[in-house]
C-alpha atoms as a PDB file:
ATOM      1  CA  MET A   1     -15.719 -14.922  -4.401  1.00  0.00           C
ATOM      2  CA  THR A   2     -16.145 -12.116  -2.121  1.00  0.00           C
ATOM      3  CA  ILE A   3     -13.572  -9.479  -1.848  1.00  0.00           C
ATOM      4  CA  LEU A   4     -13.081  -6.865   0.923  1.00  0.00           C
ATOM      5  CA  SER A   5     -11.322  -3.605  -0.670  1.00  0.00           C
ATOM      6  CA  LEU A   6      -9.850  -1.632   1.517  1.00  0.00           C
ATOM      7  CA  VAL A   7      -9.755   2.634   1.454  1.00  0.00           C
ATOM      8  CA  VAL A   8      -7.847   4.668   3.284  1.00  0.00           C
ATOM      9  CA  LEU A   9      -8.711   8.563   3.773  1.00  0.00           C
ATOM     10  CA  TYR A  10      -7.271  11.634   4.770  1.00  0.00           C
ATOM     11  CA  LYS A  11      -8.527  15.515   4.493  1.00  0.00           C
ATOM     12  CA  THR A  12     -10.597  13.711   1.056  1.00  0.00           C
ATOM     13  CA  GLU A  13     -14.412  13.857   1.312  1.00  0.00           C
ATOM     14  CA  LEU A  14     -16.075  10.389  -0.171  1.00  0.00           C
ATOM     15  CA  ASP A  15     -17.098  11.473  -3.427  1.00  0.00           C
ATOM     16  CA  SER A  16     -13.934  13.189  -3.910  1.00  0.00           C
ATOM     17  CA  SER A  17     -11.788  10.148  -3.929  1.00  0.00           C
ATOM     18  CA  ASP A  18     -10.242   9.286  -7.203  1.00  0.00           C
ATOM     19  CA  THR A  19     -10.198   5.949  -6.172  1.00  0.00           C
ATOM     20  CA  LEU A  20     -13.765   5.698  -4.874  1.00  0.00           C
ATOM     21  CA  ARG A  21     -15.095   6.990  -7.663  1.00  0.00           C
ATOM     22  CA  SER A  22     -13.291   4.749 -10.523  1.00  0.00           C
ATOM     23  CA  LEU A  23     -14.030   1.517  -8.009  1.00  0.00           C
ATOM     24  CA  ALA A  24     -17.554   2.723  -8.202  1.00  0.00           C
ATOM     25  CA  GLY A  25     -17.070   3.038 -11.760  1.00  0.00           C
ATOM     26  CA  GLN A  26     -16.192  -0.857 -12.438  1.00  0.00           C
ATOM     27  CA  SER A  27     -17.294  -2.988 -15.156  1.00  0.00           C
ATOM     28  CA  CYS A  28     -17.981  -6.031 -12.524  1.00  0.00           C
ATOM     29  CA  THR A  29     -18.394  -5.217  -8.519  1.00  0.00           C
ATOM     30  CA  ALA A  30     -20.274  -8.572  -7.980  1.00  0.00           C
ATOM     31  CA  GLY A  31     -18.889  -9.656  -4.749  1.00  0.00           C
ATOM     32  CA  LEU A  32     -16.961  -6.206  -3.885  1.00  0.00           C
ATOM     33  CA  HIS A  33     -17.203  -5.413  -0.202  1.00  0.00           C
ATOM     34  CA  VAL A  34     -15.871  -1.829   0.372  1.00  0.00           C
ATOM     35  CA  PHE A  35     -14.252  -0.172   3.442  1.00  0.00           C
ATOM     36  CA  VAL A  36     -13.742   3.011   4.166  1.00  0.00           C
ATOM     37  CA  TRP A  37     -11.176   3.948   6.749  1.00  0.00           C
ATOM     38  CA  ASP A  38     -11.537   7.825   7.521  1.00  0.00           C
ATOM     39  CA  ASN A  39      -8.311   9.148   9.164  1.00  0.00           C
ATOM     40  CA  SER A  40      -9.835  12.851   8.113  1.00  0.00           C
ATOM     41  CA  PRO A  41     -10.278  15.329  11.447  1.00  0.00           C
ATOM     42  CA  ASP A  42     -13.792  15.689  10.686  1.00  0.00           C
ATOM     43  CA  GLU A  43     -16.383  12.632  10.007  1.00  0.00           C
ATOM     44  CA  ALA A  44     -18.030  12.106   6.559  1.00  0.00           C
ATOM     45  CA  THR A  45     -21.420  14.109   7.151  1.00  0.00           C
ATOM     46  CA  ALA A  46     -24.824  11.776   6.250  1.00  0.00           C
ATOM     47  CA  ALA A  47     -25.054  12.562   2.715  1.00  0.00           C
ATOM     48  CA  LYS A  48     -21.615  11.488   1.702  1.00  0.00           C
ATOM     49  CA  LYS A  49     -22.304   7.993   3.398  1.00  0.00           C
ATOM     50  CA  ASP A  50     -25.245   7.641   1.487  1.00  0.00           C
ATOM     51  CA  TRP A  51     -23.515   8.270  -1.962  1.00  0.00           C
ATOM     52  CA  LEU A  52     -20.804   5.373  -0.880  1.00  0.00           C
ATOM     53  CA  SER A  53     -23.604   3.075   0.260  1.00  0.00           C
ATOM     54  CA  GLN A  54     -25.276   3.163  -3.200  1.00  0.00           C
ATOM     55  CA  GLN A  55     -22.128   2.625  -4.620  1.00  0.00           C
ATOM     56  CA  PHE A  56     -21.664  -1.089  -3.384  1.00  0.00           C
ATOM     57  CA  GLN A  57     -23.336  -4.308  -2.636  1.00  0.00           C
ATOM     58  CA  ARG A  58     -21.879  -3.363   1.107  1.00  0.00           C
ATOM     59  CA  THR A  59     -19.700  -1.079   2.738  1.00  0.00           C
ATOM     60  CA  TYR A  60     -18.482  -0.057   5.940  1.00  0.00           C
ATOM     61  CA  TYR A  61     -16.963   3.523   7.124  1.00  0.00           C
ATOM     62  CA  HIS A  62     -15.082   3.734   9.937  1.00  0.00           C
ATOM     63  CA  HIS A  63     -14.085   7.486  10.845  1.00  0.00           C
ATOM     64  CA  ASP A  64     -10.438   7.704  13.198  1.00  0.00           C
ATOM     65  CA  GLY A  65      -9.428  11.710  13.456  1.00  0.00           C
ATOM     66  CA  ARG A  66      -6.137  10.594  14.478  1.00  0.00           C
ATOM     67  CA  ASN A  67      -4.891   9.951  11.988  1.00  0.00           C
ATOM     68  CA  THR A  68      -3.668   6.470  12.553  1.00  0.00           C
ATOM     69  CA  PRO A  69      -0.700   4.423  11.651  1.00  0.00           C
ATOM     70  CA  LEU A  70      -0.936   2.670   8.603  1.00  0.00           C
ATOM     71  CA  SER A  71       0.584  -0.220  10.472  1.00  0.00           C
ATOM     72  CA  GLU A  72      -2.232  -0.157  13.034  1.00  0.00           C
ATOM     73  CA  LEU A  73      -5.337   0.258  10.616  1.00  0.00           C
ATOM     74  CA  TYR A  74      -4.570  -2.263   8.521  1.00  0.00           C
ATOM     75  CA  ASN A  75      -3.833  -4.376  11.459  1.00  0.00           C
ATOM     76  CA  ASN A  76      -7.094  -3.637  13.090  1.00  0.00           C
ATOM     77  CA  VAL A  77      -9.015  -4.464   9.529  1.00  0.00           C
ATOM     78  CA  ILE A  78      -7.010  -7.526   9.405  1.00  0.00           C
ATOM     79  CA  ARG A  79      -8.494  -8.602  12.636  1.00  0.00           C
ATOM     80  CA  GLN A  80     -11.501  -7.251  12.550  1.00  0.00           C
ATOM     81  CA  CYS A  81     -12.372  -8.407   9.004  1.00  0.00           C
ATOM     82  CA  LEU A  82     -10.170 -11.820   8.069  1.00  0.00           C
ATOM     83  CA  LEU A  83      -9.562 -13.109  11.735  1.00  0.00           C
ATOM     84  CA  ASP A  84     -12.900 -12.948  13.516  1.00  0.00           C
ATOM     85  CA  VAL A  85     -15.065 -14.293  10.650  1.00  0.00           C
ATOM     86  CA  ARG A  86     -13.113 -16.718   9.313  1.00  0.00           C
ATOM     87  CA  GLY A  87     -13.496 -17.250   5.883  1.00  0.00           C
ATOM     88  CA  GLN A  88     -15.693 -14.150   4.877  1.00  0.00           C
ATOM     89  CA  TYR A  89     -13.439 -12.814   2.794  1.00  0.00           C
ATOM     90  CA  GLN A  90     -11.435 -14.407  -0.076  1.00  0.00           C
ATOM     91  CA  TYR A  91      -8.707 -11.835  -0.532  1.00  0.00           C
ATOM     92  CA  LEU A  92      -8.185  -8.093   0.680  1.00  0.00           C
ATOM     93  CA  ILE A  93      -7.545  -5.361  -1.836  1.00  0.00           C
ATOM     94  CA  ILE A  94      -5.474  -2.299  -0.641  1.00  0.00           C
ATOM     95  CA  LEU A  95      -5.862   1.103  -1.766  1.00  0.00           C
ATOM     96  CA  ASP A  96      -4.662   4.752  -1.663  1.00  0.00           C
ATOM     97  CA  GLN A  97      -7.606   7.374  -1.516  1.00  0.00           C
ATOM     98  CA  ASP A  98      -6.125   8.442  -5.100  1.00  0.00           C
ATOM     99  CA  SER A  99      -5.913   5.907  -7.510  1.00  0.00           C
ATOM    100  CA  LEU A 100      -7.256   5.920 -10.456  1.00  0.00           C
ATOM    101  CA  LEU A 101      -7.972   2.297 -11.150  1.00  0.00           C
ATOM    102  CA  HIS A 102      -8.683   0.870 -15.268  1.00  0.00           C
ATOM    103  CA  PRO A 103     -12.631   0.587 -15.330  1.00  0.00           C
ATOM    104  CA  ARG A 104     -11.914  -3.765 -15.344  1.00  0.00           C
ATOM    105  CA  PHE A 105      -9.254  -3.913 -12.673  1.00  0.00           C
ATOM    106  CA  PHE A 106     -11.569  -5.668 -10.350  1.00  0.00           C
ATOM    107  CA  GLU A 107     -12.810  -8.135 -12.650  1.00  0.00           C
ATOM    108  CA  THR A 108      -9.181  -9.183 -14.407  1.00  0.00           C
ATOM    109  CA  MET A 109      -7.898  -8.706 -10.482  1.00  0.00           C
ATOM    110  CA  ARG A 110     -10.284 -11.472  -9.242  1.00  0.00           C
ATOM    111  CA  ALA A 111     -10.351 -13.578 -12.325  1.00  0.00           C
ATOM    112  CA  ALA A 112      -6.019 -13.874 -12.250  1.00  0.00           C
ATOM    113  CA  ALA A 113      -6.878 -14.760  -8.187  1.00  0.00           C
ATOM    114  CA  ILE A 114      -9.355 -17.507  -9.459  1.00  0.00           C
ATOM    115  CA  GLN A 115      -6.915 -18.753 -12.269  1.00  0.00           C
ATOM    116  CA  HIS A 116      -3.983 -19.424  -9.477  1.00  0.00           C
ATOM    117  CA  PRO A 117      -5.279 -20.165  -5.892  1.00  0.00           C
ATOM    118  CA  GLU A 118      -1.970 -21.465  -4.672  1.00  0.00           C
ATOM    119  CA  ILE A 119      -0.731 -17.306  -5.320  1.00  0.00           C
ATOM    120  CA  LYS A 120      -0.883 -15.092  -1.773  1.00  0.00           C
ATOM    121  CA  LEU A 121      -0.269 -11.466  -3.818  1.00  0.00           C
ATOM    122  CA  LEU A 122      -1.279 -10.475  -6.926  1.00  0.00           C
ATOM    123  CA  LEU A 123      -0.024  -7.113  -8.028  1.00  0.00           C
ATOM    124  CA  PRO A 124      -1.281  -4.496 -10.614  1.00  0.00           C
ATOM    125  CA  ILE A 125       1.244  -2.597 -12.830  1.00  0.00           C
ATOM    126  CA  VAL A 126       0.890   0.878 -11.298  1.00  0.00           C
ATOM    127  CA  LYS A 127       2.213   4.060 -12.966  1.00  0.00           C
ATOM    128  CA  SER A 128       3.025   7.847 -11.785  1.00  0.00           C
ATOM    129  CA  GLY A 129       3.489  10.718 -14.364  1.00  0.00           C
ATOM    130  CA  GLY A 130       4.265   7.740 -16.961  1.00  0.00           C
ATOM    131  CA  GLN A 131       7.039   5.509 -14.971  1.00  0.00           C
ATOM    132  CA  ILE A 132       6.129   2.327 -13.466  1.00  0.00           C
ATOM    133  CA  VAL A 133       6.170   2.552  -9.695  1.00  0.00           C
ATOM    134  CA  SER A 134       5.413  -0.685  -8.664  1.00  0.00           C
ATOM    135  CA  PRO A 135       6.151  -3.767  -8.364  1.00  0.00           C
ATOM    136  CA  ALA A 136       9.534  -2.836  -8.208  1.00  0.00           C
ATOM    137  CA  HIS A 137      13.151  -4.306  -7.769  1.00  0.00           C
ATOM    138  CA  MET A 138      14.483  -3.922  -4.206  1.00  0.00           C
ATOM    139  CA  HIS A 139      17.785  -5.024  -2.703  1.00  0.00           C
ATOM    140  CA  TYR A 140      17.566  -4.508   0.932  1.00  0.00           C
ATOM    141  CA  PHE A 141      17.577  -1.005   1.288  1.00  0.00           C
ATOM    142  CA  LYS A 142      18.343  -0.191  -2.181  1.00  0.00           C
ATOM    143  CA  GLY A 143      15.047  -0.054  -5.501  1.00  0.00           C
ATOM    144  CA  THR A 144      15.104   0.417  -8.699  1.00  0.00           C
ATOM    145  CA  PHE A 145      11.987   0.734 -10.729  1.00  0.00           C
ATOM    146  CA  TRP A 146      11.449  -1.443 -13.982  1.00  0.00           C
ATOM    147  CA  ARG A 147      12.471  -0.297 -17.496  1.00  0.00           C
ATOM    148  CA  ARG A 148       9.318  -2.454 -18.741  1.00  0.00           C
ATOM    149  CA  PRO A 149       6.270  -4.226 -17.624  1.00  0.00           C
ATOM    150  CA  TYR A 150       6.377  -8.252 -16.417  1.00  0.00           C
ATOM    151  CA  TYR A 151       3.121 -10.319 -16.395  1.00  0.00           C
ATOM    152  CA  GLY A 152       2.487 -13.320 -14.974  1.00  0.00           C
ATOM    153  CA  SER A 153       4.266 -15.189 -12.263  1.00  0.00           C
ATOM    154  CA  ILE A 154       7.555 -13.588 -11.144  1.00  0.00           C
ATOM    155  CA  LYS A 155      10.161 -14.276  -8.164  1.00  0.00           C
ATOM    156  CA  ALA A 156       8.829 -12.689  -4.991  1.00  0.00           C
ATOM    157  CA  ARG A 157      12.161 -11.975  -3.792  1.00  0.00           C
ATOM    158  CA  PHE A 158      13.902  -8.909  -4.195  1.00  0.00           C
ATOM    159  CA  THR A 159      10.343  -7.399  -5.355  1.00  0.00           C
ATOM    160  CA  THR A 160       8.482  -5.025  -3.611  1.00  0.00           C
ATOM    161  CA  ALA A 161       5.303  -3.418  -4.268  1.00  0.00           C
ATOM    162  CA  ILE A 162       3.210  -0.061  -2.899  1.00  0.00           C
ATOM    163  CA  ASN A 163       0.437  -1.006  -1.036  1.00  0.00           C
ATOM    164  CA  SER A 164      -2.342   0.830  -3.547  1.00  0.00           C
ATOM    165  CA  GLY A 165      -3.553  -2.258  -5.440  1.00  0.00           C
ATOM    166  CA  MET A 166      -1.919  -5.339  -3.520  1.00  0.00           C
ATOM    167  CA  MET A 167      -4.923  -7.786  -3.720  1.00  0.00           C
ATOM    168  CA  ILE A 168      -3.413 -10.466  -0.611  1.00  0.00           C
ATOM    169  CA  SER A 169      -4.977 -13.846   0.134  1.00  0.00           C
ATOM    170  CA  GLY A 170      -6.918 -13.951   3.251  1.00  0.00           C
ATOM    171  CA  ASP A 171      -6.295 -17.481   4.057  1.00  0.00           C
ATOM    172  CA  TYR A 172      -2.326 -16.391   3.882  1.00  0.00           C
ATOM    173  CA  LEU A 173      -3.414 -13.523   6.211  1.00  0.00           C
ATOM    174  CA  ALA A 174      -5.151 -14.944   8.512  1.00  0.00           C
ATOM    175  CA  HIS A 175      -2.642 -18.198   9.055  1.00  0.00           C
ATOM    176  CA  ASP A 176       0.403 -16.906   7.830  1.00  0.00           C
ATOM    177  CA  PHE A 177       1.256 -13.205   8.178  1.00  0.00           C
ATOM    178  CA  PRO A 178       3.151 -11.931  11.029  1.00  0.00           C
ATOM    179  CA  GLY A 179       1.124  -8.773  10.887  1.00  0.00           C
ATOM    180  CA  TYR A 180       2.520  -5.351  10.395  1.00  0.00           C
ATOM    181  CA  PRO A 181       5.203  -4.138  13.376  1.00  0.00           C
ATOM    182  CA  PRO A 182       3.795  -0.917  15.282  1.00  0.00           C
ATOM    183  CA  GLU A 183       7.670   0.487  14.576  1.00  0.00           C
ATOM    184  CA  LEU A 184       6.322   1.052  11.241  1.00  0.00           C
ATOM    185  CA  ARG A 185       4.401   3.753  10.495  1.00  0.00           C
ATOM    186  CA  PHE A 186       2.560   5.397   7.458  1.00  0.00           C
ATOM    187  CA  TYR A 187       6.201   3.907   5.533  1.00  0.00           C
ATOM    188  CA  GLY A 188       7.336   0.913   4.578  1.00  0.00           C
ATOM    189  CA  THR A 189       4.164  -1.734   5.076  1.00  0.00           C
ATOM    190  CA  ASP A 190       4.244  -2.930   1.827  1.00  0.00           C
ATOM    191  CA  THR A 191       8.348  -3.663   1.580  1.00  0.00           C
ATOM    192  CA  TRP A 192       7.173  -5.527   4.891  1.00  0.00           C
ATOM    193  CA  LEU A 193       4.312  -7.559   3.138  1.00  0.00           C
ATOM    194  CA  CYS A 194       6.439  -8.140   0.204  1.00  0.00           C
ATOM    195  CA  GLN A 195       9.585  -8.991   2.044  1.00  0.00           C
ATOM    196  CA  SER A 196       7.059 -11.832   4.946  1.00  0.00           C
ATOM    197  CA  ILE A 197       5.682 -13.078   1.689  1.00  0.00           C
ATOM    198  CA  ALA A 198       8.994 -14.023   0.102  1.00  0.00           C
ATOM    199  CA  SER A 199      10.164 -15.225   3.491  1.00  0.00           C
ATOM    200  CA  SER A 200       7.388 -17.921   2.726  1.00  0.00           C
ATOM    201  CA  HIS A 201       6.470 -18.272  -1.310  1.00  0.00           C
ATOM    202  CA  ARG A 202       8.638 -18.190  -4.180  1.00  0.00           C
ATOM    203  CA  TRP A 203       6.165 -16.543  -6.124  1.00  0.00           C
ATOM    204  CA  ILE A 204       3.815 -13.479  -6.434  1.00  0.00           C
ATOM    205  CA  TYR A 205       2.115 -12.754  -9.798  1.00  0.00           C
ATOM    206  CA  VAL A 206       1.738  -8.890 -11.798  1.00  0.00           C
ATOM    207  CA  VAL A 207      -2.090  -8.559 -12.940  1.00  0.00           C
ATOM    208  CA  ASP A 208      -2.394  -7.335 -16.882  1.00  0.00           C
ATOM    209  CA  THR A 209      -4.309  -3.891 -15.687  1.00  0.00           C
ATOM    210  CA  THR A 210      -2.512  -0.721 -14.774  1.00  0.00           C
ATOM    211  CA  ILE A 211      -3.682   2.104 -12.032  1.00  0.00           C
ATOM    212  CA  LYS A 212      -2.803   5.493 -12.590  1.00  0.00           C
ATOM    213  CA  HIS A 213      -1.527   6.664  -8.609  1.00  0.00           C
ATOM    214  CA  GLU A 214       1.226  10.247  -7.994  1.00  0.00           C
ATOM    215  CA  LEU A 215       3.697   8.940  -5.294  1.00  0.00           C
ATOM    216  CA  SER A 216       3.361  11.815  -2.788  1.00  0.00           C
ATOM    217  CA  GLN A 217       7.024  12.157  -2.510  1.00  0.00           C
ATOM    218  CA  PHE A 218       6.918  13.253  -6.155  1.00  0.00           C
ATOM    219  CA  CYS A 219       4.663  15.913  -5.901  1.00  0.00           C
ATOM    220  CA  GLU A 220       5.176  19.653  -4.467  1.00  0.00           C
ATOM    221  CA  GLU A 221       4.643  19.920  -0.899  1.00  0.00           C
ATOM    222  CA  ARG A 222       5.058  22.166   2.062  1.00  0.00           C
ATOM    223  CA  SER A 223       8.657  21.801   3.474  1.00  0.00           C
ATOM    224  CA  ASP A 224       7.417  20.477   7.068  1.00  0.00           C
ATOM    225  CA  VAL A 225       5.478  17.641   4.876  1.00  0.00           C
ATOM    226  CA  LYS A 226       8.446  16.794   2.876  1.00  0.00           C
ATOM    227  CA  LEU A 227      10.710  16.471   6.096  1.00  0.00           C
ATOM    228  CA  TRP A 228       8.352  14.629   7.903  1.00  0.00           C
ATOM    229  CA  ARG A 229       7.936  12.180   5.054  1.00  0.00           C
ATOM    230  CA  HIS A 230      11.890  12.134   4.789  1.00  0.00           C
ATOM    231  CA  TRP A 231      12.622  11.153   7.820  1.00  0.00           C
ATOM    232  CA  GLU A 232       9.565   8.466   8.575  1.00  0.00           C
ATOM    233  CA  ILE A 233      11.110   6.916   5.406  1.00  0.00           C
ATOM    234  CA  ILE A 234      14.845   7.225   6.566  1.00  0.00           C
ATOM    235  CA  ARG A 235      13.143   5.385  10.016  1.00  0.00           C
ATOM    236  CA  ALA A 236      11.131   2.767   8.063  1.00  0.00           C
ATOM    237  CA  THR A 237      14.542   2.279   5.471  1.00  0.00           C
ATOM    238  CA  ARG A 238      16.760   1.319   8.908  1.00  0.00           C
ATOM    239  CA  PHE A 239      13.674  -0.426  10.549  1.00  0.00           C
ATOM    240  CA  LEU A 240      12.962  -3.031   7.814  1.00  0.00           C
ATOM    241  CA  ASN A 241      17.219  -3.626   7.033  1.00  0.00           C
ATOM    242  CA  ARG A 242      18.075  -3.886  11.073  1.00  0.00           C
ATOM    243  CA  ASP A 243      18.920  -7.674  11.403  1.00  0.00           C
ATOM    244  CA  GLY A 244      22.487  -8.173  10.892  1.00  0.00           C
ATOM    245  CA  PHE A 245      25.346  -5.953  11.335  1.00  0.00           C
ATOM    246  CA  PHE A 246      27.344  -5.715   7.578  1.00  0.00           C
ATOM    247  CA  ARG A 247      23.012  -5.058   6.425  1.00  0.00           C
ATOM    248  CA  ARG A 248      22.467  -2.392   9.552  1.00  0.00           C
ATOM    249  CA  THR A 249      26.258  -0.742   8.685  1.00  0.00           C
ATOM    250  CA  LEU A 250      25.555  -0.707   4.809  1.00  0.00           C
ATOM    251  CA  CYS A 251      21.971   0.873   5.511  1.00  0.00           C
ATOM    252  CA  CYS A 252      22.883   3.198   7.596  1.00  0.00           C
ATOM    253  CA  PHE A 253      25.758   4.714   5.032  1.00  0.00           C
ATOM    254  CA  TYR A 254      23.190   4.974   2.190  1.00  0.00           C
ATOM    255  CA  THR A 255      20.778   6.536   4.240  1.00  0.00           C
ATOM    256  CA  THR A 256      22.930   8.970   5.640  1.00  0.00           C
ATOM    257  CA  ILE A 257      24.427   9.997   2.121  1.00  0.00           C
ATOM    258  CA  SER A 258      20.241   9.997   0.816  1.00  0.00           C
ATOM    259  CA  CYS A 259      19.984  12.747   3.941  1.00  0.00           C
ATOM    260  CA  VAL A 260      23.158  14.892   3.285  1.00  0.00           C
ATOM    261  CA  ARG A 261      21.708  14.894  -0.647  1.00  0.00           C
ATOM    262  CA  SER A 262      17.853  15.881   0.496  1.00  0.00           C
ATOM    263  CA  ALA A 263      19.549  18.558   2.373  1.00  0.00           C
ATOM    264  CA  ILE A 264      21.996  19.952  -0.176  1.00  0.00           C
ATOM    265  CA  LYS A 265      19.303  19.481  -2.255  1.00  0.00           C
ATOM    266  CA  TYR A 266      16.423  21.322  -0.573  1.00  0.00           C
ATOM    267  CA  ARG A 267      19.345  23.888   0.976  1.00  0.00           C
ATOM    268  CA  ASP A 268      17.660  22.481   4.757  1.00  0.00           C
ATOM    269  CA  TRP A 269      20.052  20.785   7.036  1.00  0.00           C
ATOM    270  CA  ARG A 270      17.111  19.233   9.148  1.00  0.00           C
ATOM    271  CA  PHE A 271      17.202  16.523   6.549  1.00  0.00           C
ATOM    272  CA  VAL A 272      20.531  15.514   7.668  1.00  0.00           C
ATOM    273  CA  HIS A 273      20.821  16.562  11.413  1.00  0.00           C
ATOM    274  CA  ARG A 274      19.139  13.363  12.576  1.00  0.00           C
ATOM    275  CA  ALA A 275      21.338  10.958  10.140  1.00  0.00           C
ATOM    276  CA  ALA A 276      22.797   9.054  13.509  1.00  0.00           C
ATOM    277  CA  PRO A 277      21.197   6.013  14.083  1.00  0.00           C
END
């Protein structure tokens, strides 16, 4: 089994990425190929690229200084590596740049995939500050965190997960996945993938392995970055819930209230002045 791991970087050196360093330290990397999509303004130096190539069996490095939206770059990688060359990779693992993987993450995920070939999406437990942040419950536009981990097969409907750590069937991506819509830029791609799988498959699988990952919205950041992130999430949430008058109206009301709460919390009415759809 050959698995492609896609790691997206932004303003982070190759050898400084927690994800790449912990991926290189896996107990087993047989059959693991790594594709690095570097969204940083500056391309990695030759020495950094050499470091990358020495860590894994096969590596691909692509620099794109445009900070390409996740939806676009995911579609590009799927097309290049899974559609243009059918059968080369059986699974795609998506990873952010700052995820700390358990030393047996890859081995455990691969073993689960071999044991359950009918499953199209396998997920690790992802924790941020001790809180399980993925998988999570998602009832249309309202998400809630798990209080405790669940392992094995779980119902795909009303379940979401963050991108980092997802292991997706190459067969599903090549034949059944509609692709990521351009309306989703940096947020909502993970929920779109989960909803797409739930529309045609009843079960997904949670693997007994853990990733430590700090969610950006929980970290200290500049007000302009927080504002940008806020509107990206609002826009994605409304797009994902655009179908059906009742659902669309409730989502608009819910996100508008969220905007008001953020404006009060941060004492900045820029969080709410675009609240109307």
